[in-house]
Amino acid sequence: MGKLKFKILLAVIIFIVLGFWYFAGNYRFTPLAAAKAHFDVGKDAVSLGDVDFGWGKVYVFDTANGPRTVISIKSWFLWRAPAAVHFEPSTDVIRTVGWMSYFDKKGQATVFAVESTDPQIAFVEIGPPTDRVRKEIKTGSPTIFSWNKAIQFNELCPVAFSLDNKPLFEYRYPKNTSTFRSEDLKWYPVNGHI
């Protein structure tokens, strides 16, 4: 009976160590729990929306420190969140609240989320020239775009349109500049000089 107790005790210890190792490595039982366990998000984050790719799930969060986009990837029966993207809080009339371009051996994903407080903005069009997507924008509610492939930011070329199809804003860096700072990447008026 002594050997049986030793084997049971050893199995319990191994189970506890593995459980702690997975928990410390941000592995969780659900994709949402894994996303909120990411150090850049926190448990108090509010989900603005998500996109399920089967092999992974991308969440767009509103946090006390600004918008965050996190990808959760399935690993056996558990989930982990290896990457997050953050944006600084903004009071602009149109703002990007989510962005992620990700690929690994399990799959590829691109997500872009935008929110507007300007009722003149009716649509946003975004994507590479051969795969542009146009969606209606509802004031105060995020609109999420997604593709099952990794797309670089400079290929997306987001443009916001009015109801009569007039371009109002474009998401880019300022024109005629040689310095690129992350806080300068935002929505600019199409007819503006910036």
C-alpha atoms as a PDB file:
ATOM      1  CA  MET A   1       0.000   0.000   0.000  1.00  0.00           C
ATOM      2  CA  GLY A   2       2.998   2.325   0.513  1.00  0.00           C
ATOM      3  CA  LYS A   3       3.909   2.307  -3.201  1.00  0.00           C
ATOM      4  CA  LEU A   4       0.333   3.106  -4.214  1.00  0.00           C
ATOM      5  CA  LYS A   5       0.188   6.112  -1.855  1.00  0.00           C
ATOM      6  CA  PHE A   6       3.555   7.320  -3.182  1.00  0.00           C
ATOM      7  CA  LYS A   7       2.338   7.072  -6.804  1.00  0.00           C
ATOM      8  CA  ILE A   8      -0.885   8.925  -5.977  1.00  0.00           C
ATOM      9  CA  LEU A   9       1.039  11.624  -4.106  1.00  0.00           C
ATOM     10  CA  LEU A  10       3.499  11.945  -7.010  1.00  0.00           C
ATOM     11  CA  ALA A  11       0.625  12.234  -9.518  1.00  0.00           C
ATOM     12  CA  VAL A  12      -1.059  14.924  -7.396  1.00  0.00           C
ATOM     13  CA  ILE A  13       2.190  16.890  -7.094  1.00  0.00           C
ATOM     14  CA  ILE A  14       2.812  16.676 -10.862  1.00  0.00           C
ATOM     15  CA  PHE A  15      -0.776  17.774 -11.527  1.00  0.00           C
ATOM     16  CA  ILE A  16      -0.430  20.767  -9.175  1.00  0.00           C
ATOM     17  CA  VAL A  17       2.925  21.810 -10.670  1.00  0.00           C
ATOM     18  CA  LEU A  18       1.587  21.538 -14.240  1.00  0.00           C
ATOM     19  CA  GLY A  19      -1.562  23.442 -13.258  1.00  0.00           C
ATOM     20  CA  PHE A  20       0.485  26.230 -11.689  1.00  0.00           C
ATOM     21  CA  TRP A  21       2.825  26.318 -14.702  1.00  0.00           C
ATOM     22  CA  TYR A  22      -0.095  26.642 -17.136  1.00  0.00           C
ATOM     23  CA  PHE A  23      -1.819  29.271 -14.985  1.00  0.00           C
ATOM     24  CA  ALA A  24       1.393  31.303 -14.596  1.00  0.00           C
ATOM     25  CA  GLY A  25       1.890  31.053 -18.372  1.00  0.00           C
ATOM     26  CA  ASN A  26      -1.518  32.716 -18.896  1.00  0.00           C
ATOM     27  CA  TYR A  27      -3.222  29.509 -20.030  1.00  0.00           C
ATOM     28  CA  ARG A  28      -6.941  29.580 -19.254  1.00  0.00           C
ATOM     29  CA  PHE A  29     -10.028  27.456 -19.937  1.00  0.00           C
ATOM     30  CA  THR A  30     -11.794  30.060 -22.120  1.00  0.00           C
ATOM     31  CA  PRO A  31     -10.501  32.475 -24.773  1.00  0.00           C
ATOM     32  CA  LEU A  32     -11.991  35.470 -22.931  1.00  0.00           C
ATOM     33  CA  ALA A  33     -10.285  34.495 -19.660  1.00  0.00           C
ATOM     34  CA  ALA A  34      -6.963  34.098 -21.501  1.00  0.00           C
ATOM     35  CA  ALA A  35      -7.356  37.515 -23.154  1.00  0.00           C
ATOM     36  CA  LYS A  36      -8.141  39.206 -19.837  1.00  0.00           C
ATOM     37  CA  ALA A  37      -5.157  37.451 -18.219  1.00  0.00           C
ATOM     38  CA  HIS A  38      -2.782  39.255 -20.615  1.00  0.00           C
ATOM     39  CA  PHE A  39      -0.699  41.734 -18.615  1.00  0.00           C
ATOM     40  CA  ASP A  40      -1.734  44.650 -20.869  1.00  0.00           C
ATOM     41  CA  VAL A  41      -5.501  44.128 -20.449  1.00  0.00           C
ATOM     42  CA  GLY A  42      -6.623  43.293 -16.917  1.00  0.00           C
ATOM     43  CA  LYS A  43      -9.705  41.615 -15.518  1.00  0.00           C
ATOM     44  CA  ASP A  44     -11.791  44.833 -15.496  1.00  0.00           C
ATOM     45  CA  ALA A  45     -11.596  45.310 -19.280  1.00  0.00           C
ATOM     46  CA  VAL A  46     -14.902  45.691 -21.134  1.00  0.00           C
ATOM     47  CA  SER A  47     -15.244  43.729 -24.375  1.00  0.00           C
ATOM     48  CA  LEU A  48     -16.278  45.887 -27.350  1.00  0.00           C
ATOM     49  CA  GLY A  49     -16.503  42.868 -29.645  1.00  0.00           C
ATOM     50  CA  ASP A  50     -14.669  39.807 -30.892  1.00  0.00           C
ATOM     51  CA  VAL A  51     -13.929  37.787 -34.027  1.00  0.00           C
ATOM     52  CA  ASP A  52     -13.733  33.978 -33.934  1.00  0.00           C
ATOM     53  CA  PHE A  53     -11.273  32.424 -36.395  1.00  0.00           C
ATOM     54  CA  GLY A  54     -11.751  28.844 -35.155  1.00  0.00           C
ATOM     55  CA  TRP A  55      -8.097  28.349 -34.202  1.00  0.00           C
ATOM     56  CA  GLY A  56      -8.085  31.644 -32.277  1.00  0.00           C
ATOM     57  CA  LYS A  57     -10.238  34.534 -31.181  1.00  0.00           C
ATOM     58  CA  VAL A  58      -9.471  38.268 -31.326  1.00  0.00           C
ATOM     59  CA  TYR A  59     -11.009  40.555 -28.696  1.00  0.00           C
ATOM     60  CA  VAL A  60     -11.320  44.340 -28.744  1.00  0.00           C
ATOM     61  CA  PHE A  61     -11.388  45.773 -25.211  1.00  0.00           C
ATOM     62  CA  ASP A  62     -11.929  49.135 -23.589  1.00  0.00           C
ATOM     63  CA  THR A  63      -9.620  49.442 -20.576  1.00  0.00           C
ATOM     64  CA  ALA A  64      -8.787  52.186 -18.100  1.00  0.00           C
ATOM     65  CA  ASN A  65      -5.586  52.770 -20.117  1.00  0.00           C
ATOM     66  CA  GLY A  66      -7.252  52.926 -23.541  1.00  0.00           C
ATOM     67  CA  PRO A  67      -8.354  50.421 -26.190  1.00  0.00           C
ATOM     68  CA  ARG A  68      -6.622  47.028 -26.382  1.00  0.00           C
ATOM     69  CA  THR A  69      -6.779  44.269 -29.004  1.00  0.00           C
ATOM     70  CA  VAL A  70      -5.792  40.761 -27.868  1.00  0.00           C
ATOM     71  CA  ILE A  71      -5.616  37.426 -29.647  1.00  0.00           C
ATOM     72  CA  SER A  72      -6.338  34.183 -27.766  1.00  0.00           C
ATOM     73  CA  ILE A  73      -5.069  30.963 -29.332  1.00  0.00           C
ATOM     74  CA  LYS A  74      -6.272  27.456 -28.586  1.00  0.00           C
ATOM     75  CA  SER A  75      -3.603  25.123 -27.250  1.00  0.00           C
ATOM     76  CA  TRP A  76      -5.022  21.651 -26.712  1.00  0.00           C
ATOM     77  CA  PHE A  77      -7.963  22.208 -24.356  1.00  0.00           C
ATOM     78  CA  LEU A  78      -6.642  25.508 -22.971  1.00  0.00           C
ATOM     79  CA  TRP A  79      -6.273  29.032 -24.357  1.00  0.00           C
ATOM     80  CA  ARG A  80      -3.429  31.553 -24.151  1.00  0.00           C
ATOM     81  CA  ALA A  81      -3.036  35.177 -25.273  1.00  0.00           C
ATOM     82  CA  PRO A  82       0.422  35.710 -26.806  1.00  0.00           C
ATOM     83  CA  ALA A  83      -0.080  39.200 -28.278  1.00  0.00           C
ATOM     84  CA  ALA A  84      -1.854  42.479 -27.578  1.00  0.00           C
ATOM     85  CA  VAL A  85      -1.954  45.870 -29.294  1.00  0.00           C
ATOM     86  CA  HIS A  86      -2.782  49.088 -27.459  1.00  0.00           C
ATOM     87  CA  PHE A  87      -4.006  52.517 -28.512  1.00  0.00           C
ATOM     88  CA  GLU A  88      -3.842  55.733 -26.553  1.00  0.00           C
ATOM     89  CA  PRO A  89      -7.220  57.119 -25.432  1.00  0.00           C
ATOM     90  CA  SER A  90      -8.614  59.645 -27.912  1.00  0.00           C
ATOM     91  CA  THR A  91     -11.499  62.104 -28.079  1.00  0.00           C
ATOM     92  CA  ASP A  92     -11.371  62.453 -31.889  1.00  0.00           C
ATOM     93  CA  VAL A  93     -14.731  62.204 -33.705  1.00  0.00           C
ATOM     94  CA  ILE A  94     -13.515  59.011 -35.375  1.00  0.00           C
ATOM     95  CA  ARG A  95     -10.953  56.768 -33.748  1.00  0.00           C
ATOM     96  CA  THR A  96      -9.392  53.370 -34.157  1.00  0.00           C
ATOM     97  CA  VAL A  97     -10.214  51.187 -31.156  1.00  0.00           C
ATOM     98  CA  GLY A  98      -8.677  47.927 -32.371  1.00  0.00           C
ATOM     99  CA  TRP A  99      -6.019  46.557 -34.687  1.00  0.00           C
ATOM    100  CA  MET A 100      -4.262  43.210 -34.959  1.00  0.00           C
ATOM    101  CA  SER A 101      -2.416  41.467 -37.773  1.00  0.00           C
ATOM    102  CA  TYR A 102      -1.207  38.040 -36.671  1.00  0.00           C
ATOM    103  CA  PHE A 103       0.074  34.833 -38.209  1.00  0.00           C
ATOM    104  CA  ASP A 104       1.623  31.622 -36.988  1.00  0.00           C
ATOM    105  CA  LYS A 105       1.488  27.928 -37.911  1.00  0.00           C
ATOM    106  CA  LYS A 106      -2.160  27.671 -36.761  1.00  0.00           C
ATOM    107  CA  GLY A 107      -3.524  30.466 -38.932  1.00  0.00           C
ATOM    108  CA  GLN A 108      -3.648  34.103 -39.942  1.00  0.00           C
ATOM    109  CA  ALA A 109      -5.876  36.961 -38.827  1.00  0.00           C
ATOM    110  CA  THR A 110      -6.323  40.683 -39.332  1.00  0.00           C
ATOM    111  CA  VAL A 111      -8.799  42.744 -37.313  1.00  0.00           C
ATOM    112  CA  PHE A 112      -9.455  46.495 -37.456  1.00  0.00           C
ATOM    113  CA  ALA A 113     -12.081  48.233 -35.287  1.00  0.00           C
ATOM    114  CA  VAL A 114     -13.287  51.813 -35.582  1.00  0.00           C
ATOM    115  CA  GLU A 115     -15.715  53.941 -33.585  1.00  0.00           C
ATOM    116  CA  SER A 116     -17.237  57.333 -34.416  1.00  0.00           C
ATOM    117  CA  THR A 117     -19.181  60.013 -32.577  1.00  0.00           C
ATOM    118  CA  ASP A 118     -19.794  62.023 -35.762  1.00  0.00           C
ATOM    119  CA  PRO A 119     -23.255  61.377 -37.286  1.00  0.00           C
ATOM    120  CA  GLN A 120     -21.969  62.596 -40.681  1.00  0.00           C
ATOM    121  CA  ILE A 121     -19.768  59.492 -40.966  1.00  0.00           C
ATOM    122  CA  ALA A 122     -21.909  56.769 -42.548  1.00  0.00           C
ATOM    123  CA  PHE A 123     -19.430  54.172 -43.866  1.00  0.00           C
ATOM    124  CA  VAL A 124     -15.841  53.056 -43.515  1.00  0.00           C
ATOM    125  CA  GLU A 125     -14.037  51.247 -46.312  1.00  0.00           C
ATOM    126  CA  ILE A 126     -10.837  49.366 -45.604  1.00  0.00           C
ATOM    127  CA  GLY A 127      -8.629  46.635 -47.002  1.00  0.00           C
ATOM    128  CA  PRO A 128      -6.100  45.871 -49.714  1.00  0.00           C
ATOM    129  CA  PRO A 129      -7.122  46.904 -53.257  1.00  0.00           C
ATOM    130  CA  THR A 130      -8.364  43.401 -54.158  1.00  0.00           C
ATOM    131  CA  ASP A 131     -10.183  42.759 -50.860  1.00  0.00           C
ATOM    132  CA  ARG A 132     -11.776  46.022 -49.687  1.00  0.00           C
ATOM    133  CA  VAL A 133     -14.629  45.831 -47.199  1.00  0.00           C
ATOM    134  CA  ARG A 134     -17.223  48.554 -46.675  1.00  0.00           C
ATOM    135  CA  LYS A 135     -19.391  48.681 -43.538  1.00  0.00           C
ATOM    136  CA  GLU A 136     -21.963  51.031 -42.105  1.00  0.00           C
ATOM    137  CA  ILE A 137     -20.860  52.958 -39.026  1.00  0.00           C
ATOM    138  CA  LYS A 138     -23.263  53.447 -36.121  1.00  0.00           C
ATOM    139  CA  THR A 139     -22.506  56.425 -33.888  1.00  0.00           C
ATOM    140  CA  GLY A 140     -20.997  55.412 -30.543  1.00  0.00           C
ATOM    141  CA  SER A 141     -20.735  51.717 -31.423  1.00  0.00           C
ATOM    142  CA  PRO A 142     -17.550  50.002 -32.647  1.00  0.00           C
ATOM    143  CA  THR A 143     -17.509  48.440 -36.116  1.00  0.00           C
ATOM    144  CA  ILE A 144     -15.121  45.511 -36.553  1.00  0.00           C
ATOM    145  CA  PHE A 145     -13.522  44.449 -39.849  1.00  0.00           C
ATOM    146  CA  SER A 146     -11.744  41.105 -40.216  1.00  0.00           C
ATOM    147  CA  TRP A 147      -9.836  38.995 -42.732  1.00  0.00           C
ATOM    148  CA  ASN A 148      -8.583  35.390 -42.544  1.00  0.00           C
ATOM    149  CA  LYS A 149      -5.107  36.491 -43.582  1.00  0.00           C
ATOM    150  CA  ALA A 150      -2.346  38.691 -42.205  1.00  0.00           C
ATOM    151  CA  ILE A 151      -2.426  42.147 -43.806  1.00  0.00           C
ATOM    152  CA  GLN A 152       0.148  44.854 -43.167  1.00  0.00           C
ATOM    153  CA  PHE A 153      -1.171  48.208 -41.959  1.00  0.00           C
ATOM    154  CA  ASN A 154       0.037  50.122 -45.013  1.00  0.00           C
ATOM    155  CA  GLU A 155      -2.128  47.892 -47.266  1.00  0.00           C
ATOM    156  CA  LEU A 156      -5.403  48.666 -45.453  1.00  0.00           C
ATOM    157  CA  CYS A 157      -5.888  52.355 -46.423  1.00  0.00           C
ATOM    158  CA  PRO A 158      -9.010  53.037 -44.270  1.00  0.00           C
ATOM    159  CA  VAL A 159     -11.332  55.818 -45.466  1.00  0.00           C
ATOM    160  CA  ALA A 160     -14.495  57.163 -43.779  1.00  0.00           C
ATOM    161  CA  PHE A 161     -17.348  58.297 -46.048  1.00  0.00           C
ATOM    162  CA  SER A 162     -20.480  60.402 -45.672  1.00  0.00           C
ATOM    163  CA  LEU A 163     -23.938  59.132 -46.608  1.00  0.00           C
ATOM    164  CA  ASP A 164     -23.543  60.682 -50.074  1.00  0.00           C
ATOM    165  CA  ASN A 165     -20.273  58.736 -50.551  1.00  0.00           C
ATOM    166  CA  LYS A 166     -17.983  61.721 -50.016  1.00  0.00           C
ATOM    167  CA  PRO A 167     -14.637  60.806 -48.366  1.00  0.00           C
ATOM    168  CA  LEU A 168     -14.375  62.608 -45.024  1.00  0.00           C
ATOM    169  CA  PHE A 169     -11.424  61.063 -43.141  1.00  0.00           C
ATOM    170  CA  GLU A 170      -8.487  58.781 -43.883  1.00  0.00           C
ATOM    171  CA  TYR A 171      -6.418  56.804 -41.387  1.00  0.00           C
ATOM    172  CA  ARG A 172      -2.741  57.546 -41.890  1.00  0.00           C
ATOM    173  CA  TYR A 173       0.353  59.338 -40.704  1.00  0.00           C
ATOM    174  CA  PRO A 174       0.603  63.098 -41.351  1.00  0.00           C
ATOM    175  CA  LYS A 175       1.551  64.061 -44.893  1.00  0.00           C
ATOM    176  CA  ASN A 176       4.981  65.533 -45.703  1.00  0.00           C
ATOM    177  CA  THR A 177       6.757  64.284 -42.595  1.00  0.00           C
ATOM    178  CA  SER A 178       9.979  62.378 -42.135  1.00  0.00           C
ATOM    179  CA  THR A 179       9.272  61.330 -38.539  1.00  0.00           C
ATOM    180  CA  PHE A 180       6.709  58.688 -37.696  1.00  0.00           C
ATOM    181  CA  ARG A 181       5.384  58.581 -34.145  1.00  0.00           C
ATOM    182  CA  SER A 182       2.666  56.145 -33.108  1.00  0.00           C
ATOM    183  CA  GLU A 183       0.513  58.931 -31.659  1.00  0.00           C
ATOM    184  CA  ASP A 184       0.439  60.594 -35.119  1.00  0.00           C
ATOM    185  CA  LEU A 185      -1.210  57.558 -36.724  1.00  0.00           C
ATOM    186  CA  LYS A 186      -4.872  58.562 -36.664  1.00  0.00           C
ATOM    187  CA  TRP A 187      -7.847  59.715 -38.732  1.00  0.00           C
ATOM    188  CA  TYR A 188      -7.211  62.950 -40.669  1.00  0.00           C
ATOM    189  CA  PRO A 189      -9.732  65.019 -42.670  1.00  0.00           C
ATOM    190  CA  VAL A 190      -9.428  64.222 -46.381  1.00  0.00           C
ATOM    191  CA  ASN A 191      -9.423  67.907 -47.359  1.00  0.00           C
ATOM    192  CA  GLY A 192      -7.153  68.914 -44.482  1.00  0.00           C
ATOM    193  CA  HIS A 193      -3.534  69.954 -44.894  1.00  0.00           C
ATOM    194  CA  ILE A 194      -2.291  67.695 -42.095  1.00  0.00           C
END
